[in-house]
């Protein structure tokens, strides 16, 4: 984990996973229509001036959600490599928004999980948890067992960083079952087993 010196003021491009989840639940329980798609704010000037913004802006202008989402994912990954967490988070949220608008279920699940990953890496596992939870729920809904396992593994790591060792190990065990059932490669199974077998103590000092 790379703790931030100060809490990061995350910038999001859409409603939180909890807000969207509650809206879907109201629709199921009470027959209320889903809310109209939210408008995506303009790309911040700080991001617009970067080289990675060009393919994204072209795809966005064409309302090509698949291509815009993919370009935003690439930009987010580039920012993750340099640990520019706010930039990575902003791009990742734009990717999630486009994938949801394009009804691209698997890319949206992966984008939600990646937001959880980067927030955990940034030292904010608390805010990562709802993104993992959304990814788990959506993966379960579409029968994407491997994706469900990966999101559970991410959540397990976040819980471990929070000092919730028992919860982390339980989630890792569930992740192993889903990863195995989803045909995940050995590397992902080994990663889950490593978390399940972790003996990290709460508030352990290194």
Protein backbone atom coordinates (compact mmCIF):
# COMPACT_ATOMS: atom_id res chain seq x y z
CA UNK A 1 0.00 0.00 0.00
CA UNK A 2 1.18 3.54 -0.72
CA UNK A 3 -0.59 5.71 1.85
CA UNK A 4 -1.27 9.26 0.79
CA UNK A 5 0.17 11.97 2.99
CA UNK A 6 -3.28 13.54 3.22
CA UNK A 7 -6.74 12.20 2.36
CA UNK A 8 -7.33 12.42 -1.37
CA UNK A 9 -10.26 14.49 -2.52
CA UNK A 10 -11.49 12.06 -5.11
CA UNK A 11 -13.08 13.53 -8.17
CA UNK A 12 -15.86 11.39 -9.63
CA UNK A 13 -17.65 11.76 -12.93
CA UNK A 14 -20.97 10.26 -11.88
CA UNK A 15 -23.13 9.21 -8.97
CA UNK A 16 -21.61 6.85 -6.43
CA UNK A 17 -22.13 3.09 -6.81
CA UNK A 18 -24.42 3.15 -3.80
CA UNK A 19 -26.62 5.83 -5.36
CA UNK A 20 -26.88 3.94 -8.63
CA UNK A 21 -27.52 0.66 -6.85
CA UNK A 22 -30.35 2.16 -4.82
CA UNK A 23 -31.88 3.60 -7.98
CA UNK A 24 -31.85 0.17 -9.61
CA UNK A 25 -33.32 -1.41 -6.49
CA UNK A 26 -36.17 1.11 -6.39
CA UNK A 27 -36.94 0.26 -10.00
CA UNK A 28 -37.14 -3.45 -9.23
CA UNK A 29 -39.17 -3.12 -6.03
CA UNK A 30 -41.51 -0.30 -6.90
CA UNK A 31 -41.59 -0.26 -10.68
CA UNK A 32 -40.11 3.21 -10.87
CA UNK A 33 -38.42 4.02 -14.16
CA UNK A 34 -34.65 4.28 -14.11
CA UNK A 35 -33.42 7.87 -13.92
CA UNK A 36 -32.31 9.51 -17.13
CA UNK A 37 -28.59 9.05 -17.85
CA UNK A 38 -26.54 11.67 -16.13
CA UNK A 39 -24.61 14.17 -18.21
CA UNK A 40 -20.89 13.56 -18.14
CA UNK A 41 -19.08 16.76 -17.11
CA UNK A 42 -16.57 18.24 -19.50
CA UNK A 43 -13.10 16.77 -19.25
CA UNK A 44 -11.13 18.91 -16.76
CA UNK A 45 -8.59 21.22 -18.37
CA UNK A 46 -5.79 19.46 -16.51
CA UNK A 47 -6.67 16.22 -18.29
CA UNK A 48 -7.66 17.74 -21.63
CA UNK A 49 -4.17 19.11 -22.18
CA UNK A 50 -2.47 15.71 -21.91
CA UNK A 51 -1.46 13.57 -24.88
CA UNK A 52 -3.62 10.64 -23.76
CA UNK A 53 -6.74 12.83 -23.98
CA UNK A 54 -6.78 13.07 -27.79
CA UNK A 55 -8.17 9.59 -28.62
CA UNK A 56 -10.65 9.89 -25.78
CA UNK A 57 -11.98 13.26 -26.92
CA UNK A 58 -12.36 12.00 -30.49
CA UNK A 59 -14.37 8.98 -29.34
CA UNK A 60 -16.44 11.05 -26.91
CA UNK A 61 -17.36 13.51 -29.67
CA UNK A 62 -18.57 10.59 -31.78
CA UNK A 63 -20.57 9.14 -28.84
CA UNK A 64 -18.61 5.93 -29.28
CA UNK A 65 -18.90 4.66 -25.72
CA UNK A 66 -16.83 1.52 -26.24
CA UNK A 67 -13.91 3.41 -27.75
CA UNK A 68 -14.16 6.31 -25.30
CA UNK A 69 -14.24 3.90 -22.37
CA UNK A 70 -11.22 2.01 -23.67
CA UNK A 71 -9.26 5.27 -24.15
CA UNK A 72 -10.18 6.37 -20.63
CA UNK A 73 -9.00 3.01 -19.25
CA UNK A 74 -5.65 3.43 -21.01
CA UNK A 75 -5.29 6.94 -19.58
CA UNK A 76 -6.19 5.70 -16.09
CA UNK A 77 -3.61 2.92 -16.26
CA UNK A 78 -0.94 5.39 -17.35
CA UNK A 79 -1.74 7.59 -14.33
CA UNK A 80 -1.70 4.57 -12.01
CA UNK A 81 1.85 3.80 -13.15
CA UNK A 82 2.97 7.24 -11.97
CA UNK A 83 0.78 7.07 -8.84
CA UNK A 84 -1.15 10.17 -9.91
CA UNK A 85 -4.20 8.92 -8.07
CA UNK A 86 -6.65 11.76 -8.65
CA UNK A 87 -5.99 11.69 -12.39
CA UNK A 88 -6.28 7.90 -12.48
CA UNK A 89 -9.54 8.01 -10.55
CA UNK A 90 -11.01 10.68 -12.81
CA UNK A 91 -10.20 8.72 -15.96
CA UNK A 92 -11.43 5.46 -14.45
CA UNK A 93 -14.78 7.03 -13.58
CA UNK A 94 -15.14 8.31 -17.12
CA UNK A 95 -14.44 4.80 -18.38
CA UNK A 96 -17.09 3.39 -16.05
CA UNK A 97 -19.63 5.99 -17.19
CA UNK A 98 -19.09 5.25 -20.89
CA UNK A 99 -19.24 1.49 -20.41
CA UNK A 100 -22.49 1.83 -18.48
CA UNK A 101 -23.98 4.14 -21.12
CA UNK A 102 -23.01 1.64 -23.79
CA UNK A 103 -24.50 -1.28 -21.81
CA UNK A 104 -21.08 -2.94 -21.81
CA UNK A 105 -21.43 -5.08 -18.72
CA UNK A 106 -18.03 -6.76 -18.43
CA UNK A 107 -15.96 -3.62 -19.14
CA UNK A 108 -18.10 -1.73 -16.60
CA UNK A 109 -17.48 -4.42 -13.97
CA UNK A 110 -13.75 -4.25 -14.61
CA UNK A 111 -13.77 -0.45 -14.45
CA UNK A 112 -15.56 -0.46 -11.08
CA UNK A 113 -13.08 -3.00 -9.75
CA UNK A 114 -10.14 -0.96 -11.02
CA UNK A 115 -11.40 2.11 -9.18
CA UNK A 116 -11.38 -0.01 -6.04
CA UNK A 117 -7.85 -1.18 -6.85
CA UNK A 118 -6.41 2.26 -7.37
CA UNK A 119 -8.05 3.68 -4.25
CA UNK A 120 -6.64 0.81 -2.22
CA UNK A 121 -3.21 1.42 -3.74
CA UNK A 122 -3.56 5.10 -2.89
CA UNK A 123 -4.09 4.23 0.78
CA UNK A 124 -7.87 4.74 0.90
CA UNK A 125 -9.35 1.23 1.21
CA UNK A 126 -12.49 2.57 2.92
CA UNK A 127 -13.63 4.40 -0.21
CA UNK A 128 -12.61 1.43 -2.38
CA UNK A 129 -15.11 -0.93 -0.79
CA UNK A 130 -18.33 0.22 -2.52
CA UNK A 131 -16.70 -0.10 -5.94
CA UNK A 132 -15.67 -3.67 -5.23
CA UNK A 133 -19.15 -4.37 -3.89
CA UNK A 134 -20.71 -3.02 -7.07
CA UNK A 135 -18.38 -5.09 -9.23
CA UNK A 136 -19.21 -8.23 -7.23
CA UNK A 137 -22.95 -7.62 -7.48
CA UNK A 138 -22.91 -6.86 -11.20
CA UNK A 139 -20.61 -9.81 -11.98
CA UNK A 140 -22.94 -12.13 -10.08
CA UNK A 141 -25.93 -10.76 -12.00
CA UNK A 142 -24.37 -11.56 -15.38
CA UNK A 143 -22.75 -14.83 -14.32
CA UNK A 144 -19.18 -13.58 -14.74
CA UNK A 145 -17.63 -15.87 -12.13
CA UNK A 146 -14.00 -14.94 -12.73
CA UNK A 147 -14.80 -11.23 -12.57
CA UNK A 148 -16.70 -11.82 -9.34
CA UNK A 149 -13.66 -13.60 -7.92
CA UNK A 150 -11.30 -10.80 -8.92
CA UNK A 151 -13.52 -8.20 -7.28
CA UNK A 152 -13.73 -10.33 -4.13
CA UNK A 153 -9.95 -10.60 -4.12
CA UNK A 154 -9.66 -6.82 -4.43
CA UNK A 155 -12.10 -6.35 -1.57
CA UNK A 156 -10.15 -8.89 0.49
CA UNK A 157 -6.98 -6.84 0.01
CA UNK A 158 -8.80 -3.66 1.00
CA UNK A 159 -10.10 -5.34 4.15
CA UNK A 160 -6.60 -6.57 4.95
CA UNK A 161 -5.31 -3.01 4.66
CA UNK A 162 -8.06 -1.95 7.06
CA UNK A 163 -6.86 -4.53 9.58
CA UNK A 164 -9.91 -6.76 9.08
CA UNK A 165 -7.89 -9.96 8.76
CA UNK A 166 -10.71 -12.45 9.36
CA UNK A 167 -12.96 -10.75 6.81
CA UNK A 168 -10.11 -10.57 4.31
CA UNK A 169 -9.34 -14.26 4.60
CA UNK A 170 -13.00 -15.22 4.29
CA UNK A 171 -13.36 -13.10 1.14
CA UNK A 172 -10.18 -14.60 -0.29
CA UNK A 173 -11.60 -18.09 0.22
CA UNK A 174 -14.76 -17.14 -1.67
CA UNK A 175 -12.61 -15.53 -4.36
CA UNK A 176 -10.64 -18.75 -4.80
CA UNK A 177 -13.83 -20.72 -5.44
CA UNK A 178 -15.09 -18.21 -8.01
CA UNK A 179 -11.73 -17.82 -9.71
CA UNK A 180 -11.37 -21.58 -10.01
CA UNK A 181 -14.94 -21.92 -11.28
CA UNK A 182 -14.36 -19.11 -13.78
CA UNK A 183 -11.22 -20.65 -15.25
CA UNK A 184 -8.85 -18.03 -13.89
CA UNK A 185 -5.11 -18.47 -14.51
CA UNK A 186 -2.88 -19.90 -11.81
CA UNK A 187 -1.41 -16.49 -10.99
CA UNK A 188 -4.80 -15.15 -9.88
CA UNK A 189 -5.51 -18.22 -7.77
CA UNK A 190 -2.09 -17.93 -6.12
CA UNK A 191 -2.73 -14.26 -5.35
CA UNK A 192 -6.00 -15.17 -3.62
CA UNK A 193 -4.33 -17.98 -1.69
CA UNK A 194 -1.66 -15.55 -0.52
CA UNK A 195 -4.31 -13.27 0.97
CA UNK A 196 -6.19 -16.19 2.52
CA UNK A 197 -3.00 -17.36 4.17
CA UNK A 198 -1.90 -13.92 5.37
CA UNK A 199 -1.15 -13.56 9.07
CA UNK A 200 -0.80 -9.77 9.00
CA UNK A 201 -1.65 -8.39 12.42
CA UNK A 202 -3.88 -5.39 13.00
CA UNK A 203 -1.82 -2.20 13.23
CA UNK A 204 1.33 -4.19 12.55
CA UNK A 205 4.41 -1.99 12.39
CA UNK A 206 7.12 -2.82 9.89
